[in-house]
Protein backbone atom coordinates (compact mmCIF):
# COMPACT_ATOMS: atom_id res chain seq x y z
CA MET A 1 23.90 -19.35 2.44
CA ARG A 2 20.31 -19.39 1.29
CA ARG A 3 18.95 -16.73 -1.00
CA ASP A 4 16.61 -15.42 1.73
CA GLU A 5 19.55 -14.93 4.08
CA GLN A 6 21.55 -13.14 1.39
CA GLN A 7 18.72 -10.70 0.82
CA ARG A 8 18.19 -10.09 4.54
CA GLN A 9 21.84 -9.13 4.95
CA ALA A 10 22.18 -7.16 1.70
CA THR A 11 23.14 -3.47 1.84
CA SER A 12 21.89 -2.58 -1.65
CA LEU A 13 19.39 -4.10 -4.08
CA VAL A 14 18.43 -3.62 -7.73
CA CYS A 15 14.85 -2.56 -8.42
CA ARG A 16 13.21 -4.93 -10.91
CA CYS A 17 11.04 -2.13 -12.24
CA CYS A 18 13.45 0.73 -12.94
CA GLY A 19 16.74 -1.21 -12.76
CA ARG A 20 18.47 1.22 -10.37
CA LYS A 21 20.80 -0.07 -7.67
CA LEU A 22 19.66 1.50 -4.39
CA PRO A 23 20.35 1.03 -0.68
CA VAL A 24 17.94 -1.26 1.16
CA SER A 25 16.46 1.76 2.94
CA ASN A 26 14.69 2.59 -0.35
CA PHE A 27 12.82 -0.75 -0.34
CA ARG A 28 9.91 -1.90 1.80
CA ARG A 29 10.44 -4.89 4.00
CA ARG A 30 7.96 -7.74 4.36
CA LYS A 31 7.10 -9.33 7.71
CA SER A 32 9.42 -12.24 6.90
CA GLY A 33 12.38 -9.83 6.66
CA ILE A 34 12.72 -10.08 2.89
CA TYR A 35 12.65 -6.86 0.88
CA ARG A 36 10.16 -6.19 -1.91
CA HIS A 37 11.49 -6.13 -5.47
CA GLU A 38 10.25 -2.62 -6.28
CA CYS A 39 11.82 0.49 -4.78
CA ASN A 40 9.56 2.89 -2.88
CA GLN A 41 9.25 5.24 -5.85
CA CYS A 42 8.23 2.50 -8.30
CA SER A 43 5.90 1.01 -5.70
CA TYR A 44 4.18 4.38 -5.38
CA GLU A 45 3.79 4.71 -9.14
CA LEU A 46 2.58 1.12 -9.59
CA TYR A 47 0.17 0.75 -6.66
CA VAL A 48 -0.53 3.88 -4.61
CA ARG A 49 -1.03 6.45 -7.36
CA PRO A 50 -3.49 4.37 -9.44
CA SER A 51 -5.55 3.50 -6.35
CA ARG A 52 -5.78 7.18 -5.41
CA MET A 53 -6.91 8.03 -8.93
CA ARG A 54 -9.57 5.29 -8.80
CA ARG A 55 -10.81 6.65 -5.47
CA ILE A 56 -11.00 10.22 -6.82
CA LEU A 57 -12.89 9.08 -9.91
CA ARG A 58 -15.28 7.00 -7.80
CA GLU A 59 -15.99 9.99 -5.52
CA LEU A 60 -16.64 12.22 -8.54
CA GLU A 61 -19.08 9.69 -9.97
CA GLU A 62 -20.89 9.49 -6.62
CA ARG A 63 -21.21 13.29 -6.50
CA GLN A 64 -22.62 13.41 -10.03
CA ALA A 65 -25.14 10.67 -9.22
CA GLU A 66 -26.61 12.69 -6.34
């Protein structure tokens, strides 16, 4: 069985960021059916939170420039 097929049929995965073993429901799935390597919580802390902070800082700078 190929590695892709093993991951598609897995019931739990290990997050590469925090190292916790979690059910696949805690991971985002790509269009190809393969799960991402970061759990939803780590994904939020790595990608979503910093982008929100950048947006807030950019909006504050725009307000000060006016």
